[in-house]
C-alpha cells in the first residue's frame, strides 16, 4: 500500500483560501487515482474530489464544484486540493486516499485502499 500524509489545514475565515497537500510514499504514485474526502463532526465521511493517475481528469462533489481544484504532481508524489471561497460548512477533517485503479474517478470511499491521517480545516463565519 501507499502511505499518505496530509498537510495544509488550518483556521480561516469565510471567503479565504487554503491549499491542502498529500504526500505519498511507498509505492509508485502514478499507479493510483487520488481522492479527497472530508468528515464533519457528527456527519458521515463524504466525497470531495478525485483525480486520475495522469491528472488529466477530475471529478468533484456538487458542493465544492467551482470552488475547489484538485491537481497532482507525479514528479513530487503529491496531490493537492486548492480550496477557494471557503464556507463554514466546509469545516471538516480532510483526508486524502489512494485508489489502486488509476483511471477510475470513484467517489465511493470503499474503493480507496489507502488513507492519510487527515488534516483539520475550520472556516469561521
N, C-alpha and C. Protein backbone atom coordinates (compact mmCIF):
# COMPACT_ATOMS: atom_id res chain seq x y z
N UNK A 1 0.83 -1.19 0.00
CA UNK A 1 0.00 0.00 0.00
C UNK A 1 0.87 1.25 0.00
N UNK A 2 0.25 2.32 -0.38
CA UNK A 2 0.94 3.60 -0.38
C UNK A 2 0.64 4.31 0.93
N UNK A 3 1.65 5.01 1.46
CA UNK A 3 1.47 5.79 2.68
C UNK A 3 1.20 7.24 2.31
N UNK A 4 0.25 7.85 3.02
CA UNK A 4 -0.21 9.19 2.68
C UNK A 4 -0.16 10.09 3.90
N UNK A 5 0.33 11.32 3.70
CA UNK A 5 0.40 12.29 4.78
C UNK A 5 -0.14 13.63 4.27
N UNK A 6 -1.23 14.09 4.89
CA UNK A 6 -1.83 15.36 4.51
C UNK A 6 -1.21 16.51 5.31
N UNK A 7 -1.27 17.70 4.73
CA UNK A 7 -0.84 18.91 5.41
C UNK A 7 -1.56 20.10 4.80
N UNK A 8 -1.49 21.23 5.50
CA UNK A 8 -2.04 22.46 4.96
C UNK A 8 -3.34 22.93 5.57
N UNK A 9 -3.90 22.14 6.47
CA UNK A 9 -5.13 22.56 7.11
C UNK A 9 -4.91 23.73 8.05
N UNK A 10 -6.01 24.30 8.53
CA UNK A 10 -5.90 25.41 9.47
C UNK A 10 -7.22 26.07 9.71
N UNK A 11 -7.14 27.21 10.41
CA UNK A 11 -8.31 28.01 10.73
C UNK A 11 -8.31 29.25 9.84
N UNK A 12 -9.39 29.43 9.08
CA UNK A 12 -9.50 30.56 8.17
C UNK A 12 -10.89 31.17 8.31
N UNK A 13 -11.06 32.33 7.71
CA UNK A 13 -12.36 32.97 7.70
C UNK A 13 -13.11 32.64 6.40
N UNK A 14 -14.39 32.78 6.45
CA UNK A 14 -15.21 32.56 5.27
C UNK A 14 -14.72 33.45 4.13
N UNK A 15 -14.62 32.86 2.95
CA UNK A 15 -14.13 33.58 1.79
C UNK A 15 -12.65 33.41 1.53
N UNK A 16 -11.93 32.92 2.52
CA UNK A 16 -10.49 32.70 2.37
C UNK A 16 -10.20 31.45 1.55
N UNK A 17 -8.91 31.24 1.31
CA UNK A 17 -8.45 30.06 0.55
C UNK A 17 -7.44 29.27 1.38
N UNK A 18 -7.37 27.99 1.08
CA UNK A 18 -6.36 27.10 1.64
C UNK A 18 -5.96 26.12 0.56
N UNK A 19 -4.72 25.64 0.65
CA UNK A 19 -4.31 24.55 -0.22
C UNK A 19 -3.82 23.40 0.63
N UNK A 20 -4.49 22.28 0.48
CA UNK A 20 -4.07 21.06 1.15
C UNK A 20 -3.12 20.28 0.25
N UNK A 21 -2.16 19.63 0.87
CA UNK A 21 -1.24 18.75 0.17
C UNK A 21 -1.31 17.36 0.76
N UNK A 22 -1.01 16.38 -0.06
CA UNK A 22 -0.97 15.00 0.39
C UNK A 22 0.25 14.36 -0.25
N UNK A 23 1.23 14.02 0.56
CA UNK A 23 2.46 13.42 0.08
C UNK A 23 2.37 11.91 0.19
N UNK A 24 2.75 11.23 -0.88
CA UNK A 24 2.67 9.78 -0.94
C UNK A 24 4.06 9.16 -0.93
N UNK A 25 4.15 7.97 -0.36
CA UNK A 25 5.40 7.23 -0.37
C UNK A 25 5.09 5.75 -0.32
N UNK A 26 6.07 4.96 -0.71
CA UNK A 26 5.96 3.53 -0.56
C UNK A 26 5.64 2.76 -1.81
N UNK A 27 4.89 3.35 -2.71
CA UNK A 27 4.53 2.69 -3.96
C UNK A 27 4.62 3.72 -5.08
N UNK A 28 4.51 3.27 -6.31
CA UNK A 28 4.55 4.18 -7.45
C UNK A 28 3.29 5.02 -7.47
N UNK A 29 3.48 6.30 -7.21
CA UNK A 29 2.36 7.22 -7.04
C UNK A 29 1.47 7.26 -8.26
N UNK A 30 2.07 7.22 -9.43
CA UNK A 30 1.27 7.35 -10.65
C UNK A 30 0.44 6.11 -10.96
N UNK A 31 0.55 5.08 -10.16
CA UNK A 31 -0.29 3.90 -10.32
C UNK A 31 -1.66 4.06 -9.65
N UNK A 32 -1.89 5.23 -9.03
CA UNK A 32 -3.10 5.44 -8.25
C UNK A 32 -3.89 6.65 -8.71
N UNK A 33 -5.21 6.49 -8.73
CA UNK A 33 -6.07 7.66 -8.70
C UNK A 33 -6.09 8.16 -7.25
N UNK A 34 -6.24 9.45 -7.09
CA UNK A 34 -6.19 10.03 -5.74
C UNK A 34 -7.47 10.80 -5.45
N UNK A 35 -7.98 10.60 -4.25
CA UNK A 35 -9.22 11.26 -3.87
C UNK A 35 -9.07 12.08 -2.60
N UNK A 36 -10.01 13.00 -2.45
CA UNK A 36 -10.14 13.76 -1.21
C UNK A 36 -11.55 13.53 -0.66
N UNK A 37 -11.61 13.28 0.62
CA UNK A 37 -12.87 13.12 1.34
C UNK A 37 -12.82 14.02 2.57
N UNK A 38 -13.96 14.24 3.16
CA UNK A 38 -13.99 15.03 4.39
C UNK A 38 -15.06 14.49 5.33
N UNK A 39 -14.85 14.76 6.61
CA UNK A 39 -15.82 14.34 7.61
C UNK A 39 -15.98 15.45 8.63
N UNK A 40 -17.19 15.94 8.72
CA UNK A 40 -17.53 16.97 9.70
C UNK A 40 -18.03 16.29 10.98
N UNK A 41 -17.95 16.98 12.10
CA UNK A 41 -18.41 16.39 13.36
C UNK A 41 -19.86 15.93 13.27
N UNK A 42 -20.10 14.70 13.67
CA UNK A 42 -21.45 14.17 13.68
C UNK A 42 -22.00 13.77 12.33
N UNK A 43 -21.16 13.85 11.31
CA UNK A 43 -21.61 13.50 9.96
C UNK A 43 -20.77 12.38 9.38
N UNK A 44 -21.31 11.74 8.35
CA UNK A 44 -20.57 10.69 7.69
C UNK A 44 -19.49 11.31 6.77
N UNK A 45 -18.48 10.51 6.50
CA UNK A 45 -17.45 10.94 5.57
C UNK A 45 -18.06 11.11 4.18
N UNK A 46 -17.67 12.18 3.50
CA UNK A 46 -18.23 12.44 2.18
C UNK A 46 -17.13 12.71 1.16
N UNK A 47 -17.46 12.38 -0.07
CA UNK A 47 -16.56 12.59 -1.19
C UNK A 47 -16.42 14.07 -1.49
N UNK A 48 -15.19 14.49 -1.82
CA UNK A 48 -14.94 15.88 -2.20
C UNK A 48 -14.45 15.97 -3.65
N UNK A 49 -13.39 15.22 -3.97
CA UNK A 49 -12.79 15.33 -5.31
C UNK A 49 -11.96 14.10 -5.57
N UNK A 50 -11.73 13.83 -6.85
CA UNK A 50 -10.87 12.72 -7.25
C UNK A 50 -10.17 13.10 -8.55
N UNK A 51 -8.96 12.58 -8.71
CA UNK A 51 -8.16 12.87 -9.90
C UNK A 51 -7.55 11.57 -10.40
N UNK A 52 -7.50 11.38 -11.72
CA UNK A 52 -6.96 10.14 -12.25
C UNK A 52 -5.43 10.17 -12.20
N UNK A 53 -4.82 9.09 -12.66
CA UNK A 53 -3.39 8.92 -12.48
C UNK A 53 -2.55 9.93 -13.25
N UNK A 54 -3.05 10.43 -14.37
CA UNK A 54 -2.28 11.40 -15.14
C UNK A 54 -2.53 12.83 -14.67
N UNK A 55 -3.62 13.02 -13.96
CA UNK A 55 -4.02 14.38 -13.61
C UNK A 55 -4.89 15.03 -14.66
N UNK A 56 -5.19 14.30 -15.71
CA UNK A 56 -5.94 14.88 -16.80
C UNK A 56 -7.44 14.88 -16.63
N UNK A 57 -7.93 14.12 -15.67
CA UNK A 57 -9.37 14.05 -15.43
C UNK A 57 -9.65 14.20 -13.95
N UNK A 58 -10.69 14.94 -13.64
CA UNK A 58 -11.09 15.15 -12.26
C UNK A 58 -12.61 15.07 -12.14
N UNK A 59 -13.05 14.88 -10.91
CA UNK A 59 -14.49 14.90 -10.61
C UNK A 59 -14.67 15.50 -9.23
N UNK A 60 -15.75 16.26 -9.06
CA UNK A 60 -15.97 16.97 -7.81
C UNK A 60 -17.38 16.75 -7.29
N UNK A 61 -17.50 16.85 -5.98
CA UNK A 61 -18.83 16.89 -5.38
C UNK A 61 -19.50 18.21 -5.78
N UNK A 62 -20.81 18.17 -5.91
CA UNK A 62 -21.53 19.37 -6.30
C UNK A 62 -21.30 20.52 -5.32
N UNK A 63 -21.12 20.18 -4.06
CA UNK A 63 -20.98 21.20 -3.03
C UNK A 63 -19.69 22.01 -3.14
N UNK A 64 -18.71 21.48 -3.87
CA UNK A 64 -17.42 22.18 -3.98
C UNK A 64 -17.08 22.57 -5.41
N UNK A 65 -17.89 22.15 -6.35
CA UNK A 65 -17.61 22.41 -7.75
C UNK A 65 -17.53 23.91 -8.00
N UNK A 66 -16.48 24.32 -8.71
CA UNK A 66 -16.28 25.73 -8.99
C UNK A 66 -15.48 26.46 -7.93
N UNK A 67 -15.32 25.84 -6.76
CA UNK A 67 -14.55 26.47 -5.68
C UNK A 67 -13.26 25.71 -5.37
N UNK A 68 -13.29 24.40 -5.51
CA UNK A 68 -12.13 23.55 -5.19
C UNK A 68 -11.52 23.03 -6.49
N UNK A 69 -10.19 22.89 -6.47
CA UNK A 69 -9.49 22.32 -7.61
C UNK A 69 -8.49 21.28 -7.11
N UNK A 70 -8.60 20.11 -7.68
CA UNK A 70 -7.69 19.01 -7.34
C UNK A 70 -6.64 18.89 -8.44
N UNK A 71 -5.38 18.74 -8.05
CA UNK A 71 -4.30 18.57 -9.01
C UNK A 71 -3.26 17.64 -8.41
N UNK A 72 -2.34 17.22 -9.23
CA UNK A 72 -1.28 16.33 -8.75
C UNK A 72 0.00 16.62 -9.49
N UNK A 73 1.11 16.32 -8.82
CA UNK A 73 2.43 16.40 -9.41
C UNK A 73 3.09 15.05 -9.20
N UNK A 74 3.11 14.25 -10.23
CA UNK A 74 3.66 12.89 -10.10
C UNK A 74 5.17 12.90 -9.90
N UNK A 75 5.84 14.00 -10.24
CA UNK A 75 7.29 14.08 -10.00
C UNK A 75 7.58 14.32 -8.52
N UNK A 76 6.58 14.84 -7.80
CA UNK A 76 6.74 15.10 -6.36
C UNK A 76 5.91 14.15 -5.50
N UNK A 77 5.23 13.20 -6.16
CA UNK A 77 4.40 12.23 -5.43
C UNK A 77 3.40 12.94 -4.51
N UNK A 78 2.79 13.99 -5.02
CA UNK A 78 1.92 14.81 -4.20
C UNK A 78 0.63 15.15 -4.95
N UNK A 79 -0.46 15.13 -4.21
CA UNK A 79 -1.74 15.60 -4.73
C UNK A 79 -2.18 16.79 -3.89
N UNK A 80 -2.85 17.72 -4.55
CA UNK A 80 -3.24 18.97 -3.92
C UNK A 80 -4.75 19.17 -3.99
N UNK A 81 -5.25 19.94 -3.03
CA UNK A 81 -6.63 20.39 -3.08
C UNK A 81 -6.63 21.89 -2.80
N UNK A 82 -6.81 22.67 -3.85
CA UNK A 82 -6.91 24.12 -3.70
C UNK A 82 -8.35 24.46 -3.38
N UNK A 83 -8.56 25.12 -2.25
CA UNK A 83 -9.91 25.42 -1.78
C UNK A 83 -10.07 26.94 -1.72
N UNK A 84 -10.94 27.46 -2.54
CA UNK A 84 -11.22 28.89 -2.59
C UNK A 84 -12.63 29.17 -2.11
N UNK A 85 -12.88 30.43 -1.77
CA UNK A 85 -14.22 30.85 -1.33
C UNK A 85 -14.77 29.92 -0.27
N UNK A 86 -13.96 29.66 0.72
CA UNK A 86 -14.36 28.70 1.76
C UNK A 86 -15.57 29.19 2.54
N UNK A 87 -16.38 28.23 2.94
CA UNK A 87 -17.61 28.49 3.69
C UNK A 87 -17.55 27.77 5.02
N UNK A 88 -18.29 28.22 6.02
CA UNK A 88 -18.30 27.50 7.30
C UNK A 88 -18.69 26.03 7.15
N UNK A 89 -19.53 25.72 6.20
CA UNK A 89 -19.94 24.32 6.00
C UNK A 89 -18.84 23.46 5.40
N UNK A 90 -17.72 24.07 5.02
CA UNK A 90 -16.56 23.29 4.57
C UNK A 90 -15.72 22.79 5.75
N UNK A 91 -16.06 23.21 6.95
CA UNK A 91 -15.34 22.78 8.14
C UNK A 91 -15.43 21.27 8.30
N UNK A 92 -14.26 20.62 8.37
CA UNK A 92 -14.21 19.16 8.47
C UNK A 92 -12.75 18.72 8.59
N UNK A 93 -12.58 17.46 8.88
CA UNK A 93 -11.27 16.83 8.71
C UNK A 93 -11.22 16.32 7.27
N UNK A 94 -10.16 16.70 6.58
CA UNK A 94 -9.99 16.33 5.18
C UNK A 94 -8.96 15.20 5.07
N UNK A 95 -9.33 14.20 4.30
CA UNK A 95 -8.50 13.02 4.12
C UNK A 95 -8.16 12.85 2.64
N UNK A 96 -6.93 12.49 2.36
CA UNK A 96 -6.63 12.03 1.01
C UNK A 96 -6.60 10.51 1.02
N UNK A 97 -6.84 9.93 -0.14
CA UNK A 97 -6.94 8.48 -0.25
C UNK A 97 -6.48 8.05 -1.64
N UNK A 98 -5.99 6.82 -1.72
CA UNK A 98 -5.46 6.28 -2.97
C UNK A 98 -6.30 5.12 -3.46
N UNK A 99 -6.64 5.16 -4.73
CA UNK A 99 -7.40 4.11 -5.40
C UNK A 99 -6.46 3.38 -6.35
N UNK A 100 -6.32 2.08 -6.18
CA UNK A 100 -5.38 1.31 -7.00
C UNK A 100 -5.84 1.11 -8.45
N UNK A 101 -7.03 1.59 -8.78
CA UNK A 101 -7.49 1.59 -10.16
C UNK A 101 -7.21 2.98 -10.71
N UNK A 102 -6.13 3.18 -11.42
CA UNK A 102 -5.62 4.54 -11.68
C UNK A 102 -6.48 5.41 -12.58
N UNK A 103 -7.33 4.78 -13.40
CA UNK A 103 -8.15 5.57 -14.34
C UNK A 103 -9.55 5.85 -13.80
N UNK A 104 -9.87 5.25 -12.65
CA UNK A 104 -11.21 5.36 -12.10
C UNK A 104 -11.40 6.69 -11.38
N UNK A 105 -12.55 7.28 -11.52
CA UNK A 105 -12.89 8.51 -10.81
C UNK A 105 -14.03 8.21 -9.84
N UNK A 106 -13.72 7.34 -8.88
CA UNK A 106 -14.73 6.92 -7.94
C UNK A 106 -14.93 7.95 -6.83
N UNK A 107 -16.15 8.04 -6.38
CA UNK A 107 -16.48 8.85 -5.22
C UNK A 107 -16.89 8.01 -4.04
N UNK A 108 -16.62 6.71 -4.13
CA UNK A 108 -17.01 5.75 -3.09
C UNK A 108 -15.81 5.44 -2.22
N UNK A 109 -15.93 5.68 -0.92
CA UNK A 109 -14.74 5.56 -0.07
C UNK A 109 -14.20 4.13 -0.01
N UNK A 110 -15.04 3.14 -0.18
CA UNK A 110 -14.56 1.76 -0.11
C UNK A 110 -13.72 1.36 -1.31
N UNK A 111 -13.70 2.17 -2.34
CA UNK A 111 -12.82 1.92 -3.50
C UNK A 111 -11.39 2.36 -3.23
N UNK A 112 -11.17 3.05 -2.15
CA UNK A 112 -9.84 3.59 -1.83
C UNK A 112 -9.21 2.74 -0.73
N UNK A 113 -8.04 2.19 -1.01
CA UNK A 113 -7.43 1.25 -0.08
C UNK A 113 -6.44 1.85 0.89
N UNK A 114 -5.98 3.06 0.62
CA UNK A 114 -5.01 3.71 1.50
C UNK A 114 -5.51 5.10 1.85
N UNK A 115 -5.31 5.46 3.12
CA UNK A 115 -5.82 6.72 3.63
C UNK A 115 -4.75 7.43 4.46
N UNK A 116 -4.79 8.76 4.40
CA UNK A 116 -3.96 9.55 5.29
C UNK A 116 -4.63 9.71 6.64
N UNK A 117 -3.94 10.42 7.52
CA UNK A 117 -4.43 10.60 8.88
C UNK A 117 -5.42 11.75 9.00
N UNK A 118 -5.49 12.59 7.99
CA UNK A 118 -6.43 13.70 7.99
C UNK A 118 -5.81 15.00 8.45
N UNK A 119 -6.37 16.10 7.97
CA UNK A 119 -5.95 17.44 8.39
C UNK A 119 -7.20 18.28 8.62
N UNK A 120 -7.22 19.02 9.71
CA UNK A 120 -8.41 19.78 10.09
C UNK A 120 -8.47 21.10 9.33
N UNK A 121 -9.64 21.37 8.79
CA UNK A 121 -9.94 22.65 8.17
C UNK A 121 -11.13 23.25 8.92
N UNK A 122 -10.94 24.44 9.45
CA UNK A 122 -12.00 25.13 10.16
C UNK A 122 -12.22 26.50 9.53
N UNK A 123 -13.47 26.76 9.14
CA UNK A 123 -13.82 28.01 8.49
C UNK A 123 -14.78 28.76 9.39
N UNK A 124 -14.36 29.91 9.85
CA UNK A 124 -15.22 30.71 10.73
C UNK A 124 -16.04 31.70 9.90
N UNK A 125 -17.20 32.02 10.43
CA UNK A 125 -18.11 32.92 9.70
C UNK A 125 -17.85 34.37 10.07
